Amino acid sequence: MFAADRLTVGIFLPLRSYQGDMAVLAGQAHLVTEIDRHGFAAVWVRDVPLFDPSFGDAGQVFDPFTYLAFLAANTKHVALATGSAVISLRHPIDLAKAAATIDQLSGGRLVMGVASGDRPMEFPAYGLEHAARADRFAQALSYMRQLTQTGLLSIDSPLGHFKGAEFLPKPVAGSIPLVVTGSSGQSLSWIAEHADGWLTYPNETHTPRGPQHLAEKIRAWRDLIADGAFRPHMTNEWIDLVDDPEHPRTPLHGGYVLRTGRNGLITLLQEWQAAGVNHAALGIQFSQRPAAEVLDELAKEVLPHFPSHQGARASAVTW
């Protein structure tokens, strides 16, 4: 997914929005195998425990970790990404156990976007305070990092404590990339210190000064990274890809969806790459054309401009 000064393309699920009937998701797994075959860098799933109709969407409906495990068995190369797991809602041992399991089963393909949560009704449903989500987010991320250390562990956290136990399984590469979403209630310096990457929202890129503002934001974050090491930046866009290649970029629904032809999309991705973005996750659930048709055009006409990287990856094991 990631290399300095380069941008890759992934696909956000679902490929069609849930509207009260699970039949809309029929055939999606087959199309994910096509995403894998075409060479997209990643597939992304969201974490929406409860569907709040006032909020507007149910994500991909399935539990993100269960669904990624299923997709891991049906793909070979594509990275499997959460965008994003709400780690302030769940215990870090359970999160780490699910994540490390998927990482092992997929041969090290999991990238874990993490967030503090943006749906207020979910927190009292878990018996938690919505106002405390930022603190719980920071505590959960720290706890998860400690769990992947080798040997017998002793952890003392506001979220729990134990002494002299080992966490299994370990991730394939020793750790799973933890990508902070938005601010998650943290300062920019905290994100620079604790995150393996940063996922931010793209709405400002629809304004004339948007790409410059995005570049400034990314540069400010990277300037705070103590060792100067490369850490990737990601963003996403929901698109309605029309069949006219020259159709101009047109924001819809207050900028939440971008209607565009492929040439406008290529230009947008080039602007993001120049701003320092390393991965773009595209959601096509609002496209009026069939999902298979949109994916095919993206693969043939857009992906060659932003190819996925070839890198070392462990082979998946059938346990």
C-alpha atoms as a PDB file:
ATOM      1  CA  MET A   1       0.000   0.000   0.000  1.00  0.00           C
ATOM      2  CA  PHE A   2       2.682   2.486   0.949  1.00  0.00           C
ATOM      3  CA  ALA A   3       5.843   4.082  -0.400  1.00  0.00           C
ATOM      4  CA  ALA A   4       7.186   7.605  -0.052  1.00  0.00           C
ATOM      5  CA  ASP A   5       6.055  10.089  -2.735  1.00  0.00           C
ATOM      6  CA  ARG A   6       3.746   7.505  -4.322  1.00  0.00           C
ATOM      7  CA  LEU A   7      -0.002   6.947  -4.165  1.00  0.00           C
ATOM      8  CA  THR A   8      -1.884   3.655  -4.420  1.00  0.00           C
ATOM      9  CA  VAL A   9      -5.613   2.997  -4.762  1.00  0.00           C
ATOM     10  CA  GLY A  10      -7.920   0.882  -2.624  1.00  0.00           C
ATOM     11  CA  ILE A  11     -11.661   0.219  -2.557  1.00  0.00           C
ATOM     12  CA  PHE A  12     -14.028   0.886   0.328  1.00  0.00           C
ATOM     13  CA  LEU A  13     -16.794  -1.611   1.000  1.00  0.00           C
ATOM     14  CA  PRO A  14     -19.713  -1.991   0.611  1.00  0.00           C
ATOM     15  CA  LEU A  15     -19.892  -1.748  -3.146  1.00  0.00           C
ATOM     16  CA  ARG A  16     -23.592  -0.947  -2.811  1.00  0.00           C
ATOM     17  CA  SER A  17     -25.294   0.673   0.193  1.00  0.00           C
ATOM     18  CA  TYR A  18     -27.541  -1.305   2.486  1.00  0.00           C
ATOM     19  CA  GLN A  19     -31.106  -0.050   2.110  1.00  0.00           C
ATOM     20  CA  GLY A  20     -32.943  -2.544   4.313  1.00  0.00           C
ATOM     21  CA  ASP A  21     -32.288  -5.664   2.238  1.00  0.00           C
ATOM     22  CA  MET A  22     -29.178  -7.823   2.542  1.00  0.00           C
ATOM     23  CA  ALA A  23     -29.640  -8.908  -1.090  1.00  0.00           C
ATOM     24  CA  VAL A  24     -27.856  -5.709  -2.117  1.00  0.00           C
ATOM     25  CA  LEU A  25     -24.604  -7.288  -0.860  1.00  0.00           C
ATOM     26  CA  ALA A  26     -25.050 -10.503  -2.853  1.00  0.00           C
ATOM     27  CA  GLY A  27     -22.044 -11.143  -5.090  1.00  0.00           C
ATOM     28  CA  GLN A  28     -19.825  -8.646  -3.278  1.00  0.00           C
ATOM     29  CA  ALA A  29     -17.272 -11.278  -2.235  1.00  0.00           C
ATOM     30  CA  HIS A  30     -16.855 -12.306  -5.876  1.00  0.00           C
ATOM     31  CA  LEU A  31     -16.164  -8.698  -6.832  1.00  0.00           C
ATOM     32  CA  VAL A  32     -13.602  -8.475  -4.025  1.00  0.00           C
ATOM     33  CA  THR A  33     -11.762 -11.387  -5.652  1.00  0.00           C
ATOM     34  CA  GLU A  34     -11.776  -9.290  -8.839  1.00  0.00           C
ATOM     35  CA  ILE A  35     -10.393  -6.324  -6.889  1.00  0.00           C
ATOM     36  CA  ASP A  36      -7.607  -8.637  -5.730  1.00  0.00           C
ATOM     37  CA  ARG A  37      -6.997  -9.971  -9.252  1.00  0.00           C
ATOM     38  CA  HIS A  38      -6.892  -6.479 -10.760  1.00  0.00           C
ATOM     39  CA  GLY A  39      -4.126  -5.449  -8.356  1.00  0.00           C
ATOM     40  CA  PHE A  40      -5.795  -2.794  -6.214  1.00  0.00           C
ATOM     41  CA  ALA A  41      -3.725  -2.127  -3.104  1.00  0.00           C
ATOM     42  CA  ALA A  42      -6.408  -2.641  -0.427  1.00  0.00           C
ATOM     43  CA  VAL A  43     -10.023  -3.280   0.459  1.00  0.00           C
ATOM     44  CA  TRP A  44     -11.417  -1.314   3.376  1.00  0.00           C
ATOM     45  CA  VAL A  45     -14.244  -2.118   5.791  1.00  0.00           C
ATOM     46  CA  ARG A  46     -15.905   0.165   8.318  1.00  0.00           C
ATOM     47  CA  ASP A  47     -16.902  -0.572  11.903  1.00  0.00           C
ATOM     48  CA  VAL A  48     -20.568   0.272  12.609  1.00  0.00           C
ATOM     49  CA  PRO A  49     -21.854  -1.766  15.582  1.00  0.00           C
ATOM     50  CA  LEU A  50     -25.383  -0.282  15.493  1.00  0.00           C
ATOM     51  CA  PHE A  51     -27.277   1.213  12.569  1.00  0.00           C
ATOM     52  CA  ASP A  52     -28.546   4.654  13.572  1.00  0.00           C
ATOM     53  CA  PRO A  53     -30.987   5.734  10.809  1.00  0.00           C
ATOM     54  CA  SER A  54     -30.456   9.394  11.709  1.00  0.00           C
ATOM     55  CA  PHE A  55     -26.749   8.978  10.930  1.00  0.00           C
ATOM     56  CA  GLY A  56     -27.429   7.734   7.415  1.00  0.00           C
ATOM     57  CA  ASP A  57     -25.607   4.490   6.693  1.00  0.00           C
ATOM     58  CA  ALA A  58     -24.811   1.052   8.094  1.00  0.00           C
ATOM     59  CA  GLY A  59     -21.321   0.628   6.649  1.00  0.00           C
ATOM     60  CA  GLN A  60     -20.774  -2.818   5.168  1.00  0.00           C
ATOM     61  CA  VAL A  61     -23.215  -4.247   7.798  1.00  0.00           C
ATOM     62  CA  PHE A  62     -21.009  -7.239   8.718  1.00  0.00           C
ATOM     63  CA  ASP A  63     -18.680  -7.223  11.700  1.00  0.00           C
ATOM     64  CA  PRO A  64     -15.410  -5.905  10.244  1.00  0.00           C
ATOM     65  CA  PHE A  65     -13.106  -8.580  11.651  1.00  0.00           C
ATOM     66  CA  THR A  66     -15.365 -11.508  10.807  1.00  0.00           C
ATOM     67  CA  TYR A  67     -15.808 -10.198   7.278  1.00  0.00           C
ATOM     68  CA  LEU A  68     -12.106  -9.559   6.769  1.00  0.00           C
ATOM     69  CA  ALA A  69     -11.387 -13.128   7.865  1.00  0.00           C
ATOM     70  CA  PHE A  70     -13.840 -14.334   5.211  1.00  0.00           C
ATOM     71  CA  LEU A  71     -12.261 -12.067   2.573  1.00  0.00           C
ATOM     72  CA  ALA A  72      -8.781 -13.220   3.592  1.00  0.00           C
ATOM     73  CA  ALA A  73      -9.773 -16.748   2.573  1.00  0.00           C
ATOM     74  CA  ASN A  74     -10.983 -15.504  -0.809  1.00  0.00           C
ATOM     75  CA  THR A  75      -8.066 -13.249  -1.773  1.00  0.00           C
ATOM     76  CA  LYS A  76      -4.313 -13.614  -2.178  1.00  0.00           C
ATOM     77  CA  HIS A  77      -2.603 -10.254  -2.418  1.00  0.00           C
ATOM     78  CA  VAL A  78      -4.816  -7.280  -1.535  1.00  0.00           C
ATOM     79  CA  ALA A  79      -4.258  -5.619   1.843  1.00  0.00           C
ATOM     80  CA  LEU A  80      -7.161  -5.902   4.297  1.00  0.00           C
ATOM     81  CA  ALA A  81      -7.846  -2.622   6.079  1.00  0.00           C
ATOM     82  CA  THR A  82     -10.241  -1.405   8.749  1.00  0.00           C
ATOM     83  CA  GLY A  83     -11.418   2.118   8.171  1.00  0.00           C
ATOM     84  CA  SER A  84     -11.824   2.377  11.003  1.00  0.00           C
ATOM     85  CA  ALA A  85     -12.116   0.063  14.028  1.00  0.00           C
ATOM     86  CA  VAL A  86     -13.683   1.959  16.938  1.00  0.00           C
ATOM     87  CA  ILE A  87     -11.194   0.891  19.590  1.00  0.00           C
ATOM     88  CA  SER A  88     -12.714   3.084  22.303  1.00  0.00           C
ATOM     89  CA  LEU A  89     -15.792   0.794  22.376  1.00  0.00           C
ATOM     90  CA  ARG A  90     -14.130  -2.602  22.858  1.00  0.00           C
ATOM     91  CA  HIS A  91     -11.521  -4.158  25.076  1.00  0.00           C
ATOM     92  CA  PRO A  92      -7.999  -4.066  23.587  1.00  0.00           C
ATOM     93  CA  ILE A  93      -7.360  -7.782  24.250  1.00  0.00           C
ATOM     94  CA  ASP A  94     -10.369  -8.746  22.133  1.00  0.00           C
ATOM     95  CA  LEU A  95      -9.400  -6.257  19.411  1.00  0.00           C
ATOM     96  CA  ALA A  96      -5.804  -7.440  19.328  1.00  0.00           C
ATOM     97  CA  LYS A  97      -6.852 -11.112  19.311  1.00  0.00           C
ATOM     98  CA  ALA A  98      -9.157 -10.616  16.324  1.00  0.00           C
ATOM     99  CA  ALA A  99      -6.623  -8.469  14.469  1.00  0.00           C
ATOM    100  CA  ALA A 100      -3.656 -10.797  15.007  1.00  0.00           C
ATOM    101  CA  THR A 101      -5.756 -13.785  13.970  1.00  0.00           C
ATOM    102  CA  ILE A 102      -6.712 -12.161  10.660  1.00  0.00           C
ATOM    103  CA  ASP A 103      -3.117 -11.069  10.146  1.00  0.00           C
ATOM    104  CA  GLN A 104      -1.906 -14.644  10.586  1.00  0.00           C
ATOM    105  CA  LEU A 105      -4.626 -16.177   8.406  1.00  0.00           C
ATOM    106  CA  SER A 106      -3.995 -13.674   5.603  1.00  0.00           C
ATOM    107  CA  GLY A 107      -0.198 -13.873   5.629  1.00  0.00           C
ATOM    108  CA  GLY A 108       0.357 -10.444   7.164  1.00  0.00           C
ATOM    109  CA  ARG A 109      -2.102  -8.407   5.097  1.00  0.00           C
ATOM    110  CA  LEU A 110      -3.969  -6.512   7.833  1.00  0.00           C
ATOM    111  CA  VAL A 111      -3.719  -2.721   8.177  1.00  0.00           C
ATOM    112  CA  MET A 112      -5.735  -1.427  11.104  1.00  0.00           C
ATOM    113  CA  GLY A 113      -7.283   2.001  10.848  1.00  0.00           C
ATOM    114  CA  VAL A 114      -8.428   2.976  14.345  1.00  0.00           C
ATOM    115  CA  ALA A 115     -10.793   5.687  15.555  1.00  0.00           C
ATOM    116  CA  SER A 116     -12.431   7.012  18.714  1.00  0.00           C
ATOM    117  CA  GLY A 117     -15.973   6.791  17.291  1.00  0.00           C
ATOM    118  CA  ASP A 118     -18.382   9.347  15.881  1.00  0.00           C
ATOM    119  CA  ARG A 119     -21.850   7.885  16.619  1.00  0.00           C
ATOM    120  CA  PRO A 120     -22.978   9.070  20.070  1.00  0.00           C
ATOM    121  CA  MET A 121     -25.680   6.411  20.532  1.00  0.00           C
ATOM    122  CA  GLU A 122     -23.119   3.587  20.482  1.00  0.00           C
ATOM    123  CA  PHE A 123     -21.371   4.593  23.690  1.00  0.00           C
ATOM    124  CA  PRO A 124     -24.275   4.277  26.164  1.00  0.00           C
ATOM    125  CA  ALA A 125     -25.164   1.016  24.381  1.00  0.00           C
ATOM    126  CA  TYR A 126     -21.774  -0.300  25.571  1.00  0.00           C
ATOM    127  CA  GLY A 127     -22.210   1.288  28.997  1.00  0.00           C
ATOM    128  CA  LEU A 128     -19.564   3.918  28.213  1.00  0.00           C
ATOM    129  CA  GLU A 129     -19.410   7.704  28.342  1.00  0.00           C
ATOM    130  CA  HIS A 130     -19.260   9.356  24.936  1.00  0.00           C
ATOM    131  CA  ALA A 131     -17.307  12.251  26.472  1.00  0.00           C
ATOM    132  CA  ALA A 132     -14.534   9.863  27.599  1.00  0.00           C
ATOM    133  CA  ARG A 133     -13.877   8.365  24.158  1.00  0.00           C
ATOM    134  CA  ALA A 134     -10.629  10.270  23.485  1.00  0.00           C
ATOM    135  CA  ASP A 135      -9.014   9.027  26.696  1.00  0.00           C
ATOM    136  CA  ARG A 136     -10.215   5.464  26.074  1.00  0.00           C
ATOM    137  CA  PHE A 137      -8.853   5.635  22.525  1.00  0.00           C
ATOM    138  CA  ALA A 138      -5.348   6.554  23.713  1.00  0.00           C
ATOM    139  CA  GLN A 139      -5.460   3.915  26.457  1.00  0.00           C
ATOM    140  CA  ALA A 140      -6.663   1.198  24.071  1.00  0.00           C
ATOM    141  CA  LEU A 141      -3.995   1.945  21.488  1.00  0.00           C
ATOM    142  CA  SER A 142      -1.262   1.793  24.129  1.00  0.00           C
ATOM    143  CA  TYR A 143      -2.645  -1.475  25.505  1.00  0.00           C
ATOM    144  CA  MET A 144      -2.775  -3.066  22.048  1.00  0.00           C
ATOM    145  CA  ARG A 145       0.825  -2.114  21.331  1.00  0.00           C
ATOM    146  CA  GLN A 146       1.992  -3.653  24.591  1.00  0.00           C
ATOM    147  CA  LEU A 147       0.169  -6.910  23.834  1.00  0.00           C
ATOM    148  CA  THR A 148       2.230  -7.603  20.711  1.00  0.00           C
ATOM    149  CA  GLN A 149       5.528  -7.513  22.611  1.00  0.00           C
ATOM    150  CA  THR A 150       7.341 -10.823  22.943  1.00  0.00           C
ATOM    151  CA  GLY A 151       7.399 -13.079  25.972  1.00  0.00           C
ATOM    152  CA  LEU A 152       5.442 -13.002  29.216  1.00  0.00           C
ATOM    153  CA  LEU A 153       3.813  -9.623  29.723  1.00  0.00           C
ATOM    154  CA  SER A 154       2.819  -7.425  32.619  1.00  0.00           C
ATOM    155  CA  ILE A 155       0.338  -4.672  31.738  1.00  0.00           C
ATOM    156  CA  ASP A 156      -1.174  -2.118  34.081  1.00  0.00           C
ATOM    157  CA  SER A 157      -3.733   0.077  32.307  1.00  0.00           C
ATOM    158  CA  PRO A 158      -6.970   1.904  33.218  1.00  0.00           C
ATOM    159  CA  LEU A 159      -8.578  -0.654  30.897  1.00  0.00           C
ATOM    160  CA  GLY A 160      -7.231  -3.692  32.760  1.00  0.00           C
ATOM    161  CA  HIS A 161      -4.143  -5.329  34.195  1.00  0.00           C
ATOM    162  CA  PHE A 162      -2.430  -8.695  34.312  1.00  0.00           C
ATOM    163  CA  LYS A 163       0.990 -10.153  35.077  1.00  0.00           C
ATOM    164  CA  GLY A 164       2.964 -13.056  33.664  1.00  0.00           C
ATOM    165  CA  ALA A 165       0.832 -14.027  30.647  1.00  0.00           C
ATOM    166  CA  GLU A 166       1.607 -14.170  26.930  1.00  0.00           C
ATOM    167  CA  PHE A 167      -0.605 -12.826  24.171  1.00  0.00           C
ATOM    168  CA  LEU A 168      -1.108 -15.126  21.173  1.00  0.00           C
ATOM    169  CA  PRO A 169      -1.058 -15.199  18.216  1.00  0.00           C
ATOM    170  CA  LYS A 170       1.580 -12.639  17.403  1.00  0.00           C
ATOM    171  CA  PRO A 171       1.182 -10.636  14.183  1.00  0.00           C
ATOM    172  CA  VAL A 172       3.176 -11.957  11.232  1.00  0.00           C
ATOM    173  CA  ALA A 173       5.647  -9.056  11.194  1.00  0.00           C
ATOM    174  CA  GLY A 174       5.667  -8.574  14.956  1.00  0.00           C
ATOM    175  CA  SER A 175       3.130  -5.741  14.901  1.00  0.00           C
ATOM    176  CA  ILE A 176       0.099  -4.572  12.954  1.00  0.00           C
ATOM    177  CA  PRO A 177       0.143  -1.065  11.455  1.00  0.00           C
ATOM    178  CA  LEU A 178      -2.155   1.170  13.519  1.00  0.00           C
ATOM    179  CA  VAL A 179      -3.423   4.122  11.488  1.00  0.00           C
ATOM    180  CA  VAL A 180      -5.130   6.929  13.423  1.00  0.00           C
ATOM    181  CA  THR A 181      -8.281   8.343  11.819  1.00  0.00           C
ATOM    182  CA  GLY A 182      -8.840  12.090  11.921  1.00  0.00           C
ATOM    183  CA  SER A 183      -7.784  13.458  15.275  1.00  0.00           C
ATOM    184  CA  SER A 184      -9.558  10.780  17.376  1.00  0.00           C
ATOM    185  CA  GLY A 185      -9.506  13.403  20.115  1.00  0.00           C
ATOM    186  CA  GLN A 186      -5.691  13.638  20.104  1.00  0.00           C
ATOM    187  CA  SER A 187      -3.210  16.392  19.306  1.00  0.00           C
ATOM    188  CA  LEU A 188      -1.183  16.398  16.105  1.00  0.00           C
ATOM    189  CA  SER A 189       1.991  15.814  18.112  1.00  0.00           C
ATOM    190  CA  TRP A 190       0.384  12.762  19.792  1.00  0.00           C
ATOM    191  CA  ILE A 191      -0.518  11.326  16.384  1.00  0.00           C
ATOM    192  CA  ALA A 192       3.032  11.955  15.160  1.00  0.00           C
ATOM    193  CA  GLU A 193       4.410  10.084  18.169  1.00  0.00           C
ATOM    194  CA  HIS A 194       2.009   7.141  18.384  1.00  0.00           C
ATOM    195  CA  ALA A 195       0.512   6.434  14.945  1.00  0.00           C
ATOM    196  CA  ASP A 196       2.012   4.272  12.208  1.00  0.00           C
ATOM    197  CA  GLY A 197       0.054   6.340   9.695  1.00  0.00           C
ATOM    198  CA  TRP A 198      -2.668   8.963   9.457  1.00  0.00           C
ATOM    199  CA  LEU A 199      -6.043   8.781   7.718  1.00  0.00           C
ATOM    200  CA  THR A 200      -7.780  12.118   7.195  1.00  0.00           C
ATOM    201  CA  TYR A 201     -10.901  13.282   5.418  1.00  0.00           C
ATOM    202  CA  PRO A 202     -10.764  14.872   1.949  1.00  0.00           C
ATOM    203  CA  ASN A 203     -13.647  17.374   1.830  1.00  0.00           C
ATOM    204  CA  GLU A 204     -11.410  20.429   1.718  1.00  0.00           C
ATOM    205  CA  THR A 205      -9.808  19.169  -1.509  1.00  0.00           C
ATOM    206  CA  HIS A 206     -12.974  20.211  -3.385  1.00  0.00           C
ATOM    207  CA  THR A 207     -12.121  23.891  -2.828  1.00  0.00           C
ATOM    208  CA  PRO A 208      -9.634  25.867  -4.952  1.00  0.00           C
ATOM    209  CA  ARG A 209      -7.099  25.927  -2.135  1.00  0.00           C
ATOM    210  CA  GLY A 210      -7.900  22.376  -1.081  1.00  0.00           C
ATOM    211  CA  PRO A 211      -4.817  20.500  -2.337  1.00  0.00           C
ATOM    212  CA  GLN A 212      -2.501  23.151  -0.884  1.00  0.00           C
ATOM    213  CA  HIS A 213      -4.279  22.978   2.467  1.00  0.00           C
ATOM    214  CA  LEU A 214      -4.006  19.177   2.451  1.00  0.00           C
ATOM    215  CA  ALA A 215      -0.293  19.369   1.667  1.00  0.00           C
ATOM    216  CA  GLU A 216       0.244  21.823   4.528  1.00  0.00           C
ATOM    217  CA  LYS A 217      -1.606  19.544   6.958  1.00  0.00           C
ATOM    218  CA  ILE A 218       0.412  16.491   5.959  1.00  0.00           C
ATOM    219  CA  ARG A 219       3.686  18.418   6.106  1.00  0.00           C
ATOM    220  CA  ALA A 220       2.860  19.776   9.587  1.00  0.00           C
ATOM    221  CA  TRP A 221       2.260  16.221  10.817  1.00  0.00           C
ATOM    222  CA  ARG A 222       5.406  14.806   9.259  1.00  0.00           C
ATOM    223  CA  ASP A 223       7.505  17.636  10.672  1.00  0.00           C
ATOM    224  CA  LEU A 224       6.540  16.421  14.147  1.00  0.00           C
ATOM    225  CA  ILE A 225       7.717  12.823  13.598  1.00  0.00           C
ATOM    226  CA  ALA A 226      10.766  12.648  15.811  1.00  0.00           C
ATOM    227  CA  ASP A 227      13.014  10.322  13.805  1.00  0.00           C
ATOM    228  CA  GLY A 228      11.948  11.662  10.409  1.00  0.00           C
ATOM    229  CA  ALA A 229      10.989   8.171   9.283  1.00  0.00           C
ATOM    230  CA  PHE A 230       8.437   7.748   6.519  1.00  0.00           C
ATOM    231  CA  ARG A 231       4.907   7.211   7.754  1.00  0.00           C
ATOM    232  CA  PRO A 232       2.056   7.057   5.247  1.00  0.00           C
ATOM    233  CA  HIS A 233      -0.878   9.379   4.892  1.00  0.00           C
ATOM    234  CA  MET A 234      -4.229   8.138   3.577  1.00  0.00           C
ATOM    235  CA  THR A 235      -7.493   9.731   2.541  1.00  0.00           C
ATOM    236  CA  ASN A 236     -10.754   8.569   1.003  1.00  0.00           C
ATOM    237  CA  GLU A 237     -13.446   9.696  -1.417  1.00  0.00           C
ATOM    238  CA  TRP A 238     -16.940   8.462  -2.239  1.00  0.00           C
ATOM    239  CA  ILE A 239     -17.335   8.717  -6.011  1.00  0.00           C
ATOM    240  CA  ASP A 240     -20.039   8.457  -8.644  1.00  0.00           C
ATOM    241  CA  LEU A 241     -17.895   7.536 -11.662  1.00  0.00           C
ATOM    242  CA  VAL A 242     -19.830   8.414 -14.826  1.00  0.00           C
ATOM    243  CA  ASP A 243     -19.136   6.859 -18.220  1.00  0.00           C
ATOM    244  CA  ASP A 244     -18.078  10.187 -19.805  1.00  0.00           C
ATOM    245  CA  PRO A 245     -14.295  10.369 -19.210  1.00  0.00           C
ATOM    246  CA  GLU A 246     -14.373  14.189 -19.431  1.00  0.00           C
ATOM    247  CA  HIS A 247     -17.228  14.792 -17.000  1.00  0.00           C
ATOM    248  CA  PRO A 248     -16.037  17.554 -14.629  1.00  0.00           C
ATOM    249  CA  ARG A 249     -15.532  16.953 -10.920  1.00  0.00           C
ATOM    250  CA  THR A 250     -18.842  17.885  -9.301  1.00  0.00           C
ATOM    251  CA  PRO A 251     -19.318  17.669  -5.500  1.00  0.00           C
ATOM    252  CA  LEU A 252     -22.720  16.326  -4.435  1.00  0.00           C
ATOM    253  CA  HIS A 253     -24.507  16.048  -1.091  1.00  0.00           C
ATOM    254  CA  GLY A 254     -22.504  18.839   0.490  1.00  0.00           C
ATOM    255  CA  GLY A 255     -19.225  17.472  -0.846  1.00  0.00           C
ATOM    256  CA  TYR A 256     -19.749  13.988   0.592  1.00  0.00           C
ATOM    257  CA  VAL A 257     -19.872  12.417  -2.899  1.00  0.00           C
ATOM    258  CA  LEU A 258     -17.847  13.402  -5.959  1.00  0.00           C
ATOM    259  CA  ARG A 259     -19.371  12.847  -9.397  1.00  0.00           C
ATOM    260  CA  THR A 260     -16.642  12.717 -11.998  1.00  0.00           C
ATOM    261  CA  GLY A 261     -15.317  11.094 -15.133  1.00  0.00           C
ATOM    262  CA  ARG A 262     -12.135   9.080 -14.950  1.00  0.00           C
ATOM    263  CA  ASN A 263      -9.900  11.917 -16.177  1.00  0.00           C
ATOM    264  CA  GLY A 264     -11.126  14.192 -13.396  1.00  0.00           C
ATOM    265  CA  LEU A 265     -10.500  11.390 -10.909  1.00  0.00           C
ATOM    266  CA  ILE A 266      -6.974  10.817 -12.221  1.00  0.00           C
ATOM    267  CA  THR A 267      -6.252  14.538 -11.845  1.00  0.00           C
ATOM    268  CA  LEU A 268      -7.589  14.515  -8.282  1.00  0.00           C
ATOM    269  CA  LEU A 269      -5.406  11.536  -7.369  1.00  0.00           C
ATOM    270  CA  GLN A 270      -2.393  13.249  -8.926  1.00  0.00           C
ATOM    271  CA  GLU A 271      -3.115  16.322  -6.781  1.00  0.00           C
ATOM    272  CA  TRP A 272      -3.305  14.122  -3.696  1.00  0.00           C
ATOM    273  CA  GLN A 273      -0.046  12.397  -4.576  1.00  0.00           C
ATOM    274  CA  ALA A 274       1.672  15.763  -4.987  1.00  0.00           C
ATOM    275  CA  ALA A 275       0.287  16.820  -1.591  1.00  0.00           C
ATOM    276  CA  GLY A 276       1.891  13.803   0.083  1.00  0.00           C
ATOM    277  CA  VAL A 277      -0.988  11.303   0.173  1.00  0.00           C
ATOM    278  CA  ASN A 278       0.221   7.684  -0.113  1.00  0.00           C
ATOM    279  CA  HIS A 279      -3.078   5.820  -0.430  1.00  0.00           C
ATOM    280  CA  ALA A 280      -6.556   6.743  -1.665  1.00  0.00           C
ATOM    281  CA  ALA A 281      -9.517   4.592  -0.628  1.00  0.00           C
ATOM    282  CA  LEU A 282     -12.401   5.004  -3.099  1.00  0.00           C
ATOM    283  CA  GLY A 283     -15.995   4.197  -2.214  1.00  0.00           C
ATOM    284  CA  ILE A 284     -18.230   3.444  -5.193  1.00  0.00           C
ATOM    285  CA  GLN A 285     -21.475   2.654  -3.370  1.00  0.00           C
ATOM    286  CA  PHE A 286     -23.121   5.837  -4.697  1.00  0.00           C
ATOM    287  CA  SER A 287     -22.190   5.198  -8.332  1.00  0.00           C
ATOM    288  CA  GLN A 288     -25.182   4.893 -10.635  1.00  0.00           C
ATOM    289  CA  ARG A 289     -23.415   2.389 -12.875  1.00  0.00           C
ATOM    290  CA  PRO A 290     -23.052  -1.319 -11.940  1.00  0.00           C
ATOM    291  CA  ALA A 291     -20.262  -1.946  -9.450  1.00  0.00           C
ATOM    292  CA  ALA A 292     -18.497  -4.453 -11.722  1.00  0.00           C
ATOM    293  CA  GLU A 293     -18.438  -1.905 -14.548  1.00  0.00           C
ATOM    294  CA  VAL A 294     -16.990   0.831 -12.327  1.00  0.00           C
ATOM    295  CA  LEU A 295     -14.323  -1.491 -10.923  1.00  0.00           C
ATOM    296  CA  ASP A 296     -13.352  -2.605 -14.406  1.00  0.00           C
ATOM    297  CA  GLU A 297     -12.898   0.991 -15.594  1.00  0.00           C
ATOM    298  CA  LEU A 298     -10.903   1.908 -12.498  1.00  0.00           C
ATOM    299  CA  ALA A 299      -8.666  -1.126 -12.999  1.00  0.00           C
ATOM    300  CA  LYS A 300      -8.041  -0.517 -16.684  1.00  0.00           C
ATOM    301  CA  GLU A 301      -7.889   3.281 -16.854  1.00  0.00           C
ATOM    302  CA  VAL A 302      -6.940   4.621 -13.404  1.00  0.00           C
ATOM    303  CA  LEU A 303      -4.911   1.941 -11.639  1.00  0.00           C
ATOM    304  CA  PRO A 304      -2.047   1.954 -14.209  1.00  0.00           C
ATOM    305  CA  HIS A 305      -1.309   5.564 -13.155  1.00  0.00           C
ATOM    306  CA  PHE A 306      -1.068   4.536  -9.482  1.00  0.00           C
ATOM    307  CA  PRO A 307       0.176   0.938  -9.365  1.00  0.00           C
ATOM    308  CA  SER A 308       0.316  -1.049  -6.154  1.00  0.00           C
ATOM    309  CA  HIS A 309       3.756  -1.840  -4.756  1.00  0.00           C
ATOM    310  CA  GLN A 310       5.462  -5.194  -4.838  1.00  0.00           C
ATOM    311  CA  GLY A 311       6.846  -6.070  -1.442  1.00  0.00           C
ATOM    312  CA  ALA A 312       7.759  -8.931   0.829  1.00  0.00           C
ATOM    313  CA  ARG A 313       4.729 -10.661   2.289  1.00  0.00           C
ATOM    314  CA  ALA A 314       4.347 -13.902   4.171  1.00  0.00           C
ATOM    315  CA  SER A 315       2.303 -16.632   2.559  1.00  0.00           C
ATOM    316  CA  ALA A 316      -1.115 -17.316   3.985  1.00  0.00           C
ATOM    317  CA  VAL A 317      -1.297 -20.590   5.832  1.00  0.00           C
ATOM    318  CA  THR A 318      -4.226 -22.997   5.934  1.00  0.00           C
ATOM    319  CA  TRP A 319      -4.325 -23.835   9.607  1.00  0.00           C
END
